[in-house]
Amino acid sequence: MKCTKRLLSPPSLECAVEQIHRNNLKFIEQIISEHETTIWAAWGTLIEKRPYLTKCLIDIYNLSSNYNCNWVNIGKKSNNGHPHHPLYLGSNELVDKFKIREYIEKFK
């Protein structure tokens, strides 16, 4: 799909998201390749409403697997297993290991 400068229509928006995602992956890889990295899973239930977020997450997970990153979440997860967004966490919540591989398997 060829992207245009005018980003008003849904196809153009999807294209813009893809470009931003590719750029984000480059920055993420730069960081995790140079540092021992812990990734905080905290996207909330919005991932159910925006289908492109699942693809973005899978790409980040695959990239992080190459660098042996640790994944954590804070507090309890949603009923569907999504890690809560920080906005919905109490100040006394605990950090826990997030089983990203098991979470990703739900999307395959």
N, C-alpha and C. Protein backbone atom coordinates (compact mmCIF):
# COMPACT_ATOMS: atom_id res chain seq x y z
N MET A 1 0.84 -1.16 0.00
CA MET A 1 0.00 0.00 0.00
C MET A 1 0.89 1.24 0.00
N LYS A 2 0.62 2.16 -0.89
CA LYS A 2 1.38 3.39 -0.95
C LYS A 2 0.78 4.40 0.02
N CYS A 3 1.61 4.98 0.84
CA CYS A 3 1.14 5.94 1.82
C CYS A 3 1.14 7.34 1.23
N THR A 4 0.18 8.12 1.63
CA THR A 4 0.11 9.51 1.19
C THR A 4 0.33 10.40 2.40
N LYS A 5 0.59 11.67 2.12
CA LYS A 5 0.80 12.62 3.22
C LYS A 5 -0.50 12.92 3.95
N ARG A 6 -1.60 12.86 3.24
CA ARG A 6 -2.89 13.15 3.85
C ARG A 6 -3.40 11.88 4.52
N LEU A 7 -3.52 11.91 5.82
CA LEU A 7 -3.87 10.71 6.58
C LEU A 7 -5.28 10.82 7.16
N LEU A 8 -6.28 10.88 6.29
CA LEU A 8 -7.64 11.03 6.77
C LEU A 8 -8.46 9.76 6.64
N SER A 9 -8.19 8.96 5.62
CA SER A 9 -9.01 7.78 5.39
C SER A 9 -8.45 6.58 6.15
N PRO A 10 -9.31 5.60 6.49
CA PRO A 10 -8.83 4.42 7.22
C PRO A 10 -7.66 3.69 6.55
N PRO A 11 -7.64 3.50 5.21
CA PRO A 11 -6.46 2.83 4.63
C PRO A 11 -5.17 3.63 4.86
N SER A 12 -5.25 4.94 4.78
CA SER A 12 -4.07 5.77 5.02
C SER A 12 -3.65 5.70 6.47
N LEU A 13 -4.61 5.66 7.38
CA LEU A 13 -4.31 5.54 8.79
C LEU A 13 -3.60 4.23 9.07
N GLU A 14 -4.09 3.15 8.48
CA GLU A 14 -3.46 1.84 8.65
C GLU A 14 -2.02 1.87 8.15
N CYS A 15 -1.79 2.53 7.04
CA CYS A 15 -0.46 2.63 6.47
C CYS A 15 0.45 3.43 7.40
N ALA A 16 -0.06 4.50 7.96
CA ALA A 16 0.73 5.32 8.88
C ALA A 16 1.11 4.52 10.11
N VAL A 17 0.18 3.73 10.62
CA VAL A 17 0.47 2.90 11.78
C VAL A 17 1.59 1.92 11.46
N GLU A 18 1.55 1.32 10.29
CA GLU A 18 2.60 0.37 9.88
C GLU A 18 3.96 1.04 9.81
N GLN A 19 4.03 2.24 9.26
CA GLN A 19 5.31 2.96 9.20
C GLN A 19 5.83 3.29 10.59
N ILE A 20 4.96 3.75 11.45
CA ILE A 20 5.35 4.08 12.81
C ILE A 20 5.83 2.82 13.53
N HIS A 21 5.11 1.72 13.33
CA HIS A 21 5.47 0.45 13.96
C HIS A 21 6.87 0.00 13.53
N ARG A 22 7.17 0.07 12.26
CA ARG A 22 8.51 -0.33 11.79
C ARG A 22 9.59 0.54 12.42
N ASN A 23 9.34 1.83 12.51
CA ASN A 23 10.31 2.73 13.16
C ASN A 23 10.45 2.40 14.64
N ASN A 24 9.33 2.13 15.31
CA ASN A 24 9.39 1.76 16.72
C ASN A 24 10.21 0.50 16.93
N LEU A 25 10.03 -0.50 16.06
CA LEU A 25 10.80 -1.74 16.18
C LEU A 25 12.29 -1.48 16.09
N LYS A 26 12.70 -0.57 15.23
CA LYS A 26 14.12 -0.23 15.11
C LYS A 26 14.65 0.34 16.42
N PHE A 27 13.89 1.25 17.03
CA PHE A 27 14.32 1.86 18.30
C PHE A 27 14.30 0.83 19.43
N ILE A 28 13.28 0.00 19.45
CA ILE A 28 13.20 -1.03 20.49
C ILE A 28 14.40 -1.97 20.38
N GLU A 29 14.72 -2.39 19.16
CA GLU A 29 15.86 -3.29 19.00
C GLU A 29 17.16 -2.62 19.42
N GLN A 30 17.32 -1.36 19.11
CA GLN A 30 18.53 -0.65 19.51
C GLN A 30 18.68 -0.67 21.03
N ILE A 31 17.60 -0.44 21.73
CA ILE A 31 17.65 -0.41 23.19
C ILE A 31 17.91 -1.80 23.76
N ILE A 32 17.16 -2.80 23.32
CA ILE A 32 17.29 -4.12 23.94
C ILE A 32 18.56 -4.85 23.50
N SER A 33 19.15 -4.42 22.41
CA SER A 33 20.41 -5.05 21.98
C SER A 33 21.60 -4.52 22.79
N GLU A 34 21.44 -3.36 23.39
CA GLU A 34 22.54 -2.73 24.11
C GLU A 34 22.42 -2.85 25.63
N HIS A 35 21.26 -3.26 26.12
CA HIS A 35 21.02 -3.29 27.57
C HIS A 35 20.24 -4.54 27.96
N GLU A 36 20.50 -5.03 29.15
CA GLU A 36 19.65 -6.08 29.70
C GLU A 36 18.30 -5.41 29.98
N THR A 37 17.24 -5.95 29.40
CA THR A 37 15.97 -5.22 29.38
C THR A 37 14.84 -6.00 30.03
N THR A 38 14.07 -5.30 30.83
CA THR A 38 12.81 -5.81 31.35
C THR A 38 11.71 -4.98 30.70
N ILE A 39 10.74 -5.65 30.12
CA ILE A 39 9.64 -4.99 29.43
C ILE A 39 8.40 -5.07 30.32
N TRP A 40 7.79 -3.94 30.57
CA TRP A 40 6.60 -3.86 31.39
C TRP A 40 5.38 -3.99 30.49
N ALA A 41 4.67 -5.10 30.62
CA ALA A 41 3.43 -5.34 29.87
C ALA A 41 2.33 -4.53 30.54
N ALA A 42 1.76 -3.56 29.83
CA ALA A 42 0.79 -2.66 30.47
C ALA A 42 -0.14 -2.02 29.45
N TRP A 43 -0.66 -2.79 28.50
CA TRP A 43 -1.48 -2.21 27.44
C TRP A 43 -2.97 -2.24 27.74
N GLY A 44 -3.39 -2.96 28.72
CA GLY A 44 -4.81 -2.99 29.07
C GLY A 44 -5.67 -3.71 28.04
N THR A 45 -6.96 -3.49 28.13
CA THR A 45 -7.91 -4.20 27.26
C THR A 45 -8.07 -3.55 25.89
N LEU A 46 -7.43 -2.43 25.67
CA LEU A 46 -7.52 -1.75 24.38
C LEU A 46 -7.04 -2.65 23.24
N ILE A 47 -6.21 -3.61 23.55
CA ILE A 47 -5.69 -4.52 22.54
C ILE A 47 -6.83 -5.30 21.86
N GLU A 48 -7.96 -5.45 22.54
CA GLU A 48 -9.12 -6.13 21.95
C GLU A 48 -9.84 -5.25 20.95
N LYS A 49 -9.71 -3.94 21.08
CA LYS A 49 -10.45 -3.00 20.23
C LYS A 49 -9.66 -2.51 19.03
N ARG A 50 -8.35 -2.69 19.05
CA ARG A 50 -7.48 -2.23 17.97
C ARG A 50 -6.70 -3.42 17.43
N PRO A 51 -7.21 -4.09 16.38
CA PRO A 51 -6.58 -5.32 15.89
C PRO A 51 -5.10 -5.17 15.53
N TYR A 52 -4.67 -4.01 15.08
CA TYR A 52 -3.27 -3.84 14.71
C TYR A 52 -2.35 -3.93 15.92
N LEU A 53 -2.87 -3.69 17.12
CA LEU A 53 -2.03 -3.77 18.32
C LEU A 53 -1.53 -5.18 18.58
N THR A 54 -2.35 -6.18 18.23
CA THR A 54 -1.93 -7.57 18.41
C THR A 54 -0.71 -7.86 17.55
N LYS A 55 -0.75 -7.44 16.28
CA LYS A 55 0.40 -7.65 15.39
C LYS A 55 1.62 -6.92 15.93
N CYS A 56 1.44 -5.71 16.40
CA CYS A 56 2.55 -4.94 16.96
C CYS A 56 3.16 -5.68 18.16
N LEU A 57 2.30 -6.17 19.04
CA LEU A 57 2.79 -6.89 20.21
C LEU A 57 3.54 -8.16 19.81
N ILE A 58 3.01 -8.91 18.86
CA ILE A 58 3.68 -10.14 18.43
C ILE A 58 5.05 -9.81 17.85
N ASP A 59 5.15 -8.75 17.09
CA ASP A 59 6.45 -8.35 16.53
C ASP A 59 7.43 -7.96 17.64
N ILE A 60 6.95 -7.23 18.63
CA ILE A 60 7.82 -6.84 19.75
C ILE A 60 8.24 -8.08 20.53
N TYR A 61 7.31 -8.98 20.76
CA TYR A 61 7.65 -10.23 21.46
C TYR A 61 8.71 -11.00 20.69
N ASN A 62 8.52 -11.18 19.38
CA ASN A 62 9.50 -11.92 18.57
C ASN A 62 10.87 -11.26 18.63
N LEU A 63 10.91 -9.95 18.56
CA LEU A 63 12.16 -9.22 18.65
C LEU A 63 12.79 -9.42 20.03
N SER A 64 11.99 -9.30 21.06
CA SER A 64 12.52 -9.44 22.43
C SER A 64 13.04 -10.85 22.69
N SER A 65 12.49 -11.83 22.01
CA SER A 65 12.95 -13.22 22.18
C SER A 65 14.38 -13.39 21.71
N ASN A 66 14.80 -12.59 20.76
CA ASN A 66 16.17 -12.65 20.25
C ASN A 66 17.18 -12.12 21.27
N TYR A 67 16.71 -11.36 22.25
CA TYR A 67 17.60 -10.72 23.21
C TYR A 67 17.34 -11.14 24.65
N ASN A 68 16.54 -12.18 24.84
CA ASN A 68 16.34 -12.75 26.17
C ASN A 68 15.83 -11.71 27.18
N CYS A 69 14.85 -10.94 26.78
CA CYS A 69 14.27 -9.92 27.65
C CYS A 69 13.35 -10.56 28.69
N ASN A 70 13.23 -9.90 29.82
CA ASN A 70 12.27 -10.30 30.85
C ASN A 70 11.01 -9.48 30.66
N TRP A 71 9.86 -10.09 30.90
CA TRP A 71 8.58 -9.40 30.82
C TRP A 71 7.93 -9.41 32.20
N VAL A 72 7.37 -8.27 32.60
CA VAL A 72 6.67 -8.18 33.88
C VAL A 72 5.33 -7.46 33.68
N ASN A 73 4.44 -7.67 34.62
CA ASN A 73 3.22 -6.87 34.70
C ASN A 73 3.07 -6.44 36.16
N ILE A 74 2.21 -5.49 36.38
CA ILE A 74 1.98 -5.02 37.74
C ILE A 74 0.51 -5.21 38.07
N GLY A 75 0.24 -5.81 39.21
CA GLY A 75 -1.13 -6.04 39.63
C GLY A 75 -1.76 -7.23 38.93
N LYS A 76 -3.03 -7.42 39.23
CA LYS A 76 -3.78 -8.52 38.61
C LYS A 76 -4.07 -8.18 37.16
N LYS A 77 -4.26 -9.22 36.37
CA LYS A 77 -4.60 -9.04 34.96
C LYS A 77 -6.12 -8.97 34.80
N SER A 78 -6.57 -8.51 33.64
CA SER A 78 -8.00 -8.44 33.37
C SER A 78 -8.59 -9.84 33.30
N ASN A 79 -9.90 -9.93 33.21
CA ASN A 79 -10.57 -11.23 33.11
C ASN A 79 -10.09 -12.03 31.91
N ASN A 80 -9.69 -11.35 30.83
CA ASN A 80 -9.19 -12.02 29.63
C ASN A 80 -7.66 -12.17 29.63
N GLY A 81 -7.03 -11.85 30.74
CA GLY A 81 -5.60 -12.05 30.86
C GLY A 81 -4.72 -10.90 30.40
N HIS A 82 -5.32 -9.75 30.10
CA HIS A 82 -4.54 -8.60 29.65
C HIS A 82 -3.92 -7.88 30.84
N PRO A 83 -2.66 -7.48 30.72
CA PRO A 83 -2.03 -6.71 31.80
C PRO A 83 -2.64 -5.31 31.85
N HIS A 84 -2.96 -4.86 33.04
CA HIS A 84 -3.63 -3.56 33.17
C HIS A 84 -2.73 -2.39 32.81
N HIS A 85 -3.35 -1.38 32.25
CA HIS A 85 -2.70 -0.11 31.97
C HIS A 85 -2.40 0.58 33.31
N PRO A 86 -1.29 1.30 33.41
CA PRO A 86 -0.92 1.96 34.68
C PRO A 86 -2.01 2.87 35.25
N LEU A 87 -2.83 3.44 34.40
CA LEU A 87 -3.90 4.32 34.85
C LEU A 87 -4.86 3.60 35.80
N TYR A 88 -4.96 2.28 35.63
CA TYR A 88 -5.93 1.51 36.41
C TYR A 88 -5.28 0.66 37.51
N LEU A 89 -4.09 1.02 37.90
CA LEU A 89 -3.38 0.30 38.95
C LEU A 89 -3.31 1.12 40.23
N GLY A 90 -3.41 0.42 41.36
CA GLY A 90 -3.23 1.09 42.64
C GLY A 90 -1.75 1.28 42.94
N SER A 91 -1.45 2.14 43.86
CA SER A 91 -0.05 2.43 44.18
C SER A 91 0.62 1.30 44.97
N ASN A 92 -0.16 0.35 45.46
CA ASN A 92 0.42 -0.73 46.25
C ASN A 92 0.48 -2.06 45.49
N GLU A 93 0.30 -2.03 44.19
CA GLU A 93 0.32 -3.25 43.38
C GLU A 93 1.75 -3.79 43.28
N LEU A 94 1.85 -5.10 43.11
CA LEU A 94 3.16 -5.76 43.05
C LEU A 94 3.55 -6.13 41.62
N VAL A 95 4.84 -6.15 41.39
CA VAL A 95 5.40 -6.57 40.11
C VAL A 95 5.42 -8.09 40.07
N ASP A 96 5.03 -8.66 38.92
CA ASP A 96 5.01 -10.11 38.76
C ASP A 96 5.56 -10.44 37.38
N LYS A 97 6.10 -11.63 37.24
CA LYS A 97 6.58 -12.09 35.93
C LYS A 97 5.37 -12.24 35.00
N PHE A 98 5.47 -11.69 33.80
CA PHE A 98 4.40 -11.81 32.82
C PHE A 98 4.77 -12.92 31.85
N LYS A 99 3.90 -13.88 31.72
CA LYS A 99 4.15 -15.03 30.85
C LYS A 99 3.75 -14.67 29.42
N ILE A 100 4.62 -13.91 28.78
CA ILE A 100 4.32 -13.36 27.45
C ILE A 100 4.12 -14.46 26.42
N ARG A 101 4.89 -15.52 26.48
CA ARG A 101 4.75 -16.59 25.49
C ARG A 101 3.35 -17.20 25.56
N GLU A 102 2.88 -17.48 26.76
CA GLU A 102 1.53 -18.03 26.93
C GLU A 102 0.48 -17.03 26.46
N TYR A 103 0.70 -15.76 26.75
CA TYR A 103 -0.25 -14.73 26.33
C TYR A 103 -0.32 -14.64 24.81
N ILE A 104 0.82 -14.65 24.16
CA ILE A 104 0.89 -14.55 22.70
C ILE A 104 0.21 -15.74 22.03
N GLU A 105 0.32 -16.92 22.63
CA GLU A 105 -0.28 -18.13 22.06
C GLU A 105 -1.77 -17.97 21.84
N LYS A 106 -2.43 -17.15 22.63
CA LYS A 106 -3.88 -16.92 22.47
C LYS A 106 -4.21 -16.31 21.11
N PHE A 107 -3.26 -15.60 20.54
CA PHE A 107 -3.51 -14.87 19.29
C PHE A 107 -3.17 -15.68 18.04
N LYS A 108 -2.56 -16.84 18.23
CA LYS A 108 -2.13 -17.63 17.06
C LYS A 108 -3.21 -18.60 16.64
